[in-house]
PDB file of N, CA and C in Angstrom:
ATOM      1  N   MET A   1       0.842  -1.190   0.000  1.00  0.00           N
ATOM      2  CA  MET A   1       0.000   0.000   0.000  1.00  0.00           C
ATOM      3  C   MET A   1       0.879   1.243   0.000  1.00  0.00           C
ATOM      4  N   PRO A   2       0.379   2.324  -0.518  1.00  0.00           N
ATOM      5  CA  PRO A   2       1.140   3.572  -0.498  1.00  0.00           C
ATOM      6  C   PRO A   2       1.428   4.015   0.925  1.00  0.00           C
ATOM      7  N   SER A   3       2.504   4.726   1.067  1.00  0.00           N
ATOM      8  CA  SER A   3       2.888   5.233   2.382  1.00  0.00           C
ATOM      9  C   SER A   3       1.857   6.232   2.888  1.00  0.00           C
ATOM     10  N   THR A   4       1.436   6.046   4.123  1.00  0.00           N
ATOM     11  CA  THR A   4       0.491   6.992   4.717  1.00  0.00           C
ATOM     12  C   THR A   4       1.207   8.021   5.573  1.00  0.00           C
ATOM     13  N   SER A   5       2.546   7.971   5.582  1.00  0.00           N
ATOM     14  CA  SER A   5       3.286   8.938   6.384  1.00  0.00           C
ATOM     15  C   SER A   5       3.235  10.340   5.774  1.00  0.00           C
ATOM     16  N   GLN A   6       3.032  10.415   4.476  1.00  0.00           N
ATOM     17  CA  GLN A   6       2.925  11.703   3.800  1.00  0.00           C
ATOM     18  C   GLN A   6       1.446  12.005   3.548  1.00  0.00           C
ATOM     19  N   PRO A   7       0.952  13.131   4.039  1.00  0.00           N
ATOM     20  CA  PRO A   7      -0.453  13.454   3.771  1.00  0.00           C
ATOM     21  C   PRO A   7      -0.656  13.783   2.291  1.00  0.00           C
ATOM     22  N   LEU A   8      -1.815  13.428   1.787  1.00  0.00           N
ATOM     23  CA  LEU A   8      -2.135  13.765   0.405  1.00  0.00           C
ATOM     24  C   LEU A   8      -2.382  15.265   0.311  1.00  0.00           C
ATOM     25  N   ASN A   9      -1.883  15.866  -0.742  1.00  0.00           N
ATOM     26  CA  ASN A   9      -2.006  17.311  -0.935  1.00  0.00           C
ATOM     27  C   ASN A   9      -3.143  17.589  -1.921  1.00  0.00           C
ATOM     28  N   TYR A  10      -4.359  17.630  -1.391  1.00  0.00           N
ATOM     29  CA  TYR A  10      -5.521  17.872  -2.240  1.00  0.00           C
ATOM     30  C   TYR A  10      -5.564  19.327  -2.702  1.00  0.00           C
ATOM     31  N   PRO A  11      -6.073  19.565  -3.913  1.00  0.00           N
ATOM     32  CA  PRO A  11      -6.211  20.946  -4.379  1.00  0.00           C
ATOM     33  C   PRO A  11      -7.272  21.680  -3.562  1.00  0.00           C
ATOM     34  N   LYS A  12      -7.101  22.966  -3.457  1.00  0.00           N
ATOM     35  CA  LYS A  12      -8.073  23.791  -2.744  1.00  0.00           C
ATOM     36  C   LYS A  12      -9.395  23.808  -3.519  1.00  0.00           C
ATOM     37  N   SER A  13     -10.467  23.807  -2.777  1.00  0.00           N
ATOM     38  CA  SER A  13     -11.801  23.900  -3.372  1.00  0.00           C
ATOM     39  C   SER A  13     -12.401  25.246  -2.985  1.00  0.00           C
ATOM     40  N   ARG A  14     -12.528  26.105  -3.972  1.00  0.00           N
ATOM     41  CA  ARG A  14     -13.061  27.439  -3.722  1.00  0.00           C
ATOM     42  C   ARG A  14     -14.494  27.347  -3.211  1.00  0.00           C
ATOM     43  N   LYS A  15     -14.808  28.178  -2.223  1.00  0.00           N
ATOM     44  CA  LYS A  15     -16.172  28.266  -1.702  1.00  0.00           C
ATOM     45  C   LYS A  15     -16.786  29.578  -2.181  1.00  0.00           C
ATOM     46  N   ALA A  16     -17.882  29.462  -2.907  1.00  0.00           N
ATOM     47  CA  ALA A  16     -18.586  30.645  -3.415  1.00  0.00           C
ATOM     48  C   ALA A  16     -19.670  31.057  -2.423  1.00  0.00           C
ATOM     49  N   ASP A  17     -20.139  32.269  -2.573  1.00  0.00           N
ATOM     50  CA  ASP A  17     -21.203  32.789  -1.710  1.00  0.00           C
ATOM     51  C   ASP A  17     -22.574  32.536  -2.336  1.00  0.00           C
ATOM     52  N   GLN A  18     -22.805  31.329  -2.794  1.00  0.00           N
ATOM     53  CA  GLN A  18     -24.082  30.970  -3.419  1.00  0.00           C
ATOM     54  C   GLN A  18     -25.075  30.544  -2.342  1.00  0.00           C
ATOM     55  N   VAL A  19     -26.201  31.230  -2.270  1.00  0.00           N
ATOM     56  CA  VAL A  19     -27.272  30.879  -1.333  1.00  0.00           C
ATOM     57  C   VAL A  19     -28.591  30.948  -2.087  1.00  0.00           C
ATOM     58  N   ASP A  20     -29.402  29.915  -1.945  1.00  0.00           N
ATOM     59  CA  ASP A  20     -30.718  29.890  -2.575  1.00  0.00           C
ATOM     60  C   ASP A  20     -31.790  30.020  -1.504  1.00  0.00           C
ATOM     61  N   ASP A  21     -32.893  30.613  -1.903  1.00  0.00           N
ATOM     62  CA  ASP A  21     -34.034  30.783  -0.999  1.00  0.00           C
ATOM     63  C   ASP A  21     -35.148  29.861  -1.482  1.00  0.00           C
ATOM     64  N   TYR A  22     -35.379  28.795  -0.732  1.00  0.00           N
ATOM     65  CA  TYR A  22     -36.437  27.847  -1.058  1.00  0.00           C
ATOM     66  C   TYR A  22     -37.619  28.090  -0.128  1.00  0.00           C
ATOM     67  N   HIS A  23     -38.545  28.902  -0.584  1.00  0.00           N
ATOM     68  CA  HIS A  23     -39.765  29.201   0.178  1.00  0.00           C
ATOM     69  C   HIS A  23     -39.442  29.696   1.581  1.00  0.00           C
ATOM     70  N   GLY A  24     -38.464  30.590   1.667  1.00  0.00           N
ATOM     71  CA  GLY A  24     -38.101  31.182   2.951  1.00  0.00           C
ATOM     72  C   GLY A  24     -36.986  30.473   3.689  1.00  0.00           C
ATOM     73  N   THR A  25     -36.545  29.330   3.177  1.00  0.00           N
ATOM     74  CA  THR A  25     -35.433  28.607   3.793  1.00  0.00           C
ATOM     75  C   THR A  25     -34.182  28.864   2.970  1.00  0.00           C
ATOM     76  N   LEU A  26     -33.174  29.464   3.591  1.00  0.00           N
ATOM     77  CA  LEU A  26     -31.917  29.750   2.897  1.00  0.00           C
ATOM     78  C   LEU A  26     -31.029  28.511   2.927  1.00  0.00           C
ATOM     79  N   VAL A  27     -30.546  28.142   1.751  1.00  0.00           N
ATOM     80  CA  VAL A  27     -29.703  26.958   1.613  1.00  0.00           C
ATOM     81  C   VAL A  27     -28.412  27.369   0.919  1.00  0.00           C
ATOM     82  N   ALA A  28     -27.299  27.204   1.622  1.00  0.00           N
ATOM     83  CA  ALA A  28     -25.988  27.529   1.049  1.00  0.00           C
ATOM     84  C   ALA A  28     -25.559  26.418   0.091  1.00  0.00           C
ATOM     85  N   ASP A  29     -24.955  26.801  -1.009  1.00  0.00           N
ATOM     86  CA  ASP A  29     -24.446  25.849  -1.997  1.00  0.00           C
ATOM     87  C   ASP A  29     -23.098  26.368  -2.502  1.00  0.00           C
ATOM     88  N   PRO A  30     -22.078  26.358  -1.627  1.00  0.00           N
ATOM     89  CA  PRO A  30     -20.804  26.994  -1.962  1.00  0.00           C
ATOM     90  C   PRO A  30     -20.004  26.302  -3.066  1.00  0.00           C
ATOM     91  N   TYR A  31     -20.376  25.080  -3.404  1.00  0.00           N
ATOM     92  CA  TYR A  31     -19.619  24.358  -4.432  1.00  0.00           C
ATOM     93  C   TYR A  31     -20.421  24.166  -5.720  1.00  0.00           C
ATOM     94  N   ARG A  32     -21.451  24.947  -5.902  1.00  0.00           N
ATOM     95  CA  ARG A  32     -22.269  24.814  -7.115  1.00  0.00           C
ATOM     96  C   ARG A  32     -21.438  25.029  -8.373  1.00  0.00           C
ATOM     97  N   TRP A  33     -20.429  25.851  -8.284  1.00  0.00           N
ATOM     98  CA  TRP A  33     -19.604  26.124  -9.463  1.00  0.00           C
ATOM     99  C   TRP A  33     -19.024  24.832 -10.042  1.00  0.00           C
ATOM    100  N   LEU A  34     -18.899  23.782  -9.223  1.00  0.00           N
ATOM    101  CA  LEU A  34     -18.371  22.507  -9.709  1.00  0.00           C
ATOM    102  C   LEU A  34     -19.389  21.739 -10.557  1.00  0.00           C
ATOM    103  N   GLU A  35     -20.630  22.178 -10.557  1.00  0.00           N
ATOM    104  CA  GLU A  35     -21.668  21.496 -11.324  1.00  0.00           C
ATOM    105  C   GLU A  35     -21.600  21.808 -12.816  1.00  0.00           C
ATOM    106  N   ASP A  36     -20.791  22.775 -13.202  1.00  0.00           N
ATOM    107  CA  ASP A  36     -20.661  23.128 -14.622  1.00  0.00           C
ATOM    108  C   ASP A  36     -19.471  22.374 -15.211  1.00  0.00           C
ATOM    109  N   PRO A  37     -19.718  21.240 -15.885  1.00  0.00           N
ATOM    110  CA  PRO A  37     -18.607  20.432 -16.395  1.00  0.00           C
ATOM    111  C   PRO A  37     -17.824  21.099 -17.520  1.00  0.00           C
ATOM    112  N   ASP A  38     -18.372  22.137 -18.120  1.00  0.00           N
ATOM    113  CA  ASP A  38     -17.693  22.821 -19.220  1.00  0.00           C
ATOM    114  C   ASP A  38     -16.862  24.016 -18.767  1.00  0.00           C
ATOM    115  N   SER A  39     -16.946  24.349 -17.490  1.00  0.00           N
ATOM    116  CA  SER A  39     -16.197  25.481 -16.946  1.00  0.00           C
ATOM    117  C   SER A  39     -14.706  25.145 -16.896  1.00  0.00           C
ATOM    118  N   GLU A  40     -13.876  26.094 -17.310  1.00  0.00           N
ATOM    119  CA  GLU A  40     -12.425  25.880 -17.243  1.00  0.00           C
ATOM    120  C   GLU A  40     -11.975  25.671 -15.797  1.00  0.00           C
ATOM    121  N   GLU A  41     -12.611  26.372 -14.869  1.00  0.00           N
ATOM    122  CA  GLU A  41     -12.256  26.226 -13.455  1.00  0.00           C
ATOM    123  C   GLU A  41     -12.589  24.819 -12.956  1.00  0.00           C
ATOM    124  N   THR A  42     -13.741  24.300 -13.353  1.00  0.00           N
ATOM    125  CA  THR A  42     -14.120  22.941 -12.961  1.00  0.00           C
ATOM    126  C   THR A  42     -13.177  21.926 -13.583  1.00  0.00           C
ATOM    127  N   LYS A  43     -12.861  22.098 -14.845  1.00  0.00           N
ATOM    128  CA  LYS A  43     -11.947  21.174 -15.523  1.00  0.00           C
ATOM    129  C   LYS A  43     -10.585  21.152 -14.835  1.00  0.00           C
ATOM    130  N   ALA A  44     -10.080  22.310 -14.454  1.00  0.00           N
ATOM    131  CA  ALA A  44      -8.782  22.389 -13.772  1.00  0.00           C
ATOM    132  C   ALA A  44      -8.853  21.719 -12.405  1.00  0.00           C
ATOM    133  N   TRP A  45      -9.965  21.899 -11.691  1.00  0.00           N
ATOM    134  CA  TRP A  45     -10.139  21.285 -10.375  1.00  0.00           C
ATOM    135  C   TRP A  45     -10.178  19.762 -10.502  1.00  0.00           C
ATOM    136  N   VAL A  46     -10.916  19.251 -11.490  1.00  0.00           N
ATOM    137  CA  VAL A  46     -11.005  17.804 -11.709  1.00  0.00           C
ATOM    138  C   VAL A  46      -9.633  17.244 -12.064  1.00  0.00           C
ATOM    139  N   GLU A  47      -8.904  17.920 -12.918  1.00  0.00           N
ATOM    140  CA  GLU A  47      -7.566  17.460 -13.300  1.00  0.00           C
ATOM    141  C   GLU A  47      -6.645  17.398 -12.083  1.00  0.00           C
ATOM    142  N   ALA A  48      -6.693  18.407 -11.239  1.00  0.00           N
ATOM    143  CA  ALA A  48      -5.859  18.421 -10.030  1.00  0.00           C
ATOM    144  C   ALA A  48      -6.258  17.286  -9.085  1.00  0.00           C
ATOM    145  N   GLN A  49      -7.553  17.035  -8.945  1.00  0.00           N
ATOM    146  CA  GLN A  49      -8.021  15.921  -8.110  1.00  0.00           C
ATOM    147  C   GLN A  49      -7.541  14.591  -8.691  1.00  0.00           C
ATOM    148  N   ASN A  50      -7.631  14.448 -10.004  1.00  0.00           N
ATOM    149  CA  ASN A  50      -7.192  13.213 -10.654  1.00  0.00           C
ATOM    150  C   ASN A  50      -5.700  12.973 -10.463  1.00  0.00           C
ATOM    151  N   GLN A  51      -4.908  14.020 -10.485  1.00  0.00           N
ATOM    152  CA  GLN A  51      -3.470  13.854 -10.269  1.00  0.00           C
ATOM    153  C   GLN A  51      -3.196  13.278  -8.883  1.00  0.00           C
ATOM    154  N   VAL A  52      -3.900  13.760  -7.882  1.00  0.00           N
ATOM    155  CA  VAL A  52      -3.734  13.239  -6.519  1.00  0.00           C
ATOM    156  C   VAL A  52      -4.191  11.786  -6.463  1.00  0.00           C
ATOM    157  N   THR A  53      -5.375  11.528  -6.995  1.00  0.00           N
ATOM    158  CA  THR A  53      -5.955  10.187  -6.927  1.00  0.00           C
ATOM    159  C   THR A  53      -5.103   9.164  -7.656  1.00  0.00           C
ATOM    160  N   PHE A  54      -4.786   9.428  -8.916  1.00  0.00           N
ATOM    161  CA  PHE A  54      -4.045   8.449  -9.694  1.00  0.00           C
ATOM    162  C   PHE A  54      -2.593   8.338  -9.239  1.00  0.00           C
ATOM    163  N   GLY A  55      -2.053   9.414  -8.683  1.00  0.00           N
ATOM    164  CA  GLY A  55      -0.721   9.326  -8.090  1.00  0.00           C
ATOM    165  C   GLY A  55      -0.705   8.356  -6.921  1.00  0.00           C
ATOM    166  N   TYR A  56      -1.732   8.406  -6.104  1.00  0.00           N
ATOM    167  CA  TYR A  56      -1.862   7.495  -4.962  1.00  0.00           C
ATOM    168  C   TYR A  56      -2.103   6.062  -5.444  1.00  0.00           C
ATOM    169  N   LEU A  57      -3.053   5.908  -6.355  1.00  0.00           N
ATOM    170  CA  LEU A  57      -3.393   4.565  -6.828  1.00  0.00           C
ATOM    171  C   LEU A  57      -2.230   3.888  -7.545  1.00  0.00           C
ATOM    172  N   SER A  58      -1.406   4.658  -8.217  1.00  0.00           N
ATOM    173  CA  SER A  58      -0.283   4.070  -8.956  1.00  0.00           C
ATOM    174  C   SER A  58       0.763   3.454  -8.034  1.00  0.00           C
ATOM    175  N   GLU A  59       0.723   3.812  -6.761  1.00  0.00           N
ATOM    176  CA  GLU A  59       1.682   3.277  -5.792  1.00  0.00           C
ATOM    177  C   GLU A  59       1.225   1.961  -5.161  1.00  0.00           C
ATOM    178  N   ILE A  60       0.025   1.522  -5.446  1.00  0.00           N
ATOM    179  CA  ILE A  60      -0.474   0.263  -4.886  1.00  0.00           C
ATOM    180  C   ILE A  60       0.148  -0.885  -5.676  1.00  0.00           C
ATOM    181  N   PRO A  61       0.970  -1.719  -5.024  1.00  0.00           N
ATOM    182  CA  PRO A  61       1.692  -2.765  -5.748  1.00  0.00           C
ATOM    183  C   PRO A  61       0.788  -3.764  -6.477  1.00  0.00           C
ATOM    184  N   THR A  62      -0.377  -4.047  -5.957  1.00  0.00           N
ATOM    185  CA  THR A  62      -1.253  -5.056  -6.565  1.00  0.00           C
ATOM    186  C   THR A  62      -2.342  -4.450  -7.441  1.00  0.00           C
ATOM    187  N   ARG A  63      -2.194  -3.207  -7.801  1.00  0.00           N
ATOM    188  CA  ARG A  63      -3.251  -2.532  -8.567  1.00  0.00           C
ATOM    189  C   ARG A  63      -3.544  -3.229  -9.888  1.00  0.00           C
ATOM    190  N   GLU A  64      -2.526  -3.606 -10.621  1.00  0.00           N
ATOM    191  CA  GLU A  64      -2.742  -4.266 -11.909  1.00  0.00           C
ATOM    192  C   GLU A  64      -3.462  -5.596 -11.736  1.00  0.00           C
ATOM    193  N   THR A  65      -3.166  -6.297 -10.674  1.00  0.00           N
ATOM    194  CA  THR A  65      -3.835  -7.567 -10.398  1.00  0.00           C
ATOM    195  C   THR A  65      -5.316  -7.345 -10.144  1.00  0.00           C
ATOM    196  N   LEU A  66      -5.639  -6.254  -9.473  1.00  0.00           N
ATOM    197  CA  LEU A  66      -7.028  -5.962  -9.140  1.00  0.00           C
ATOM    198  C   LEU A  66      -7.842  -5.514 -10.346  1.00  0.00           C
ATOM    199  N   LYS A  67      -7.171  -4.992 -11.365  1.00  0.00           N
ATOM    200  CA  LYS A  67      -7.897  -4.544 -12.563  1.00  0.00           C
ATOM    201  C   LYS A  67      -8.471  -5.735 -13.218  1.00  0.00           C
TER     202      LYS A  67
END
């Protein structure tokens, strides 16, 4: 298994000031910007997340066996 002594360095996730009013109930949705798959910002965030994920997974010695 990959070493757990080094913490994973996840990319920062921007929090927006998005709040919706549903019949008088305010609901915060600070990560709604991630719902736009065509946004350059979303694409960059996904790519950064994938680098962390696949970097970690590539260190698992039995990964190919599990595929």
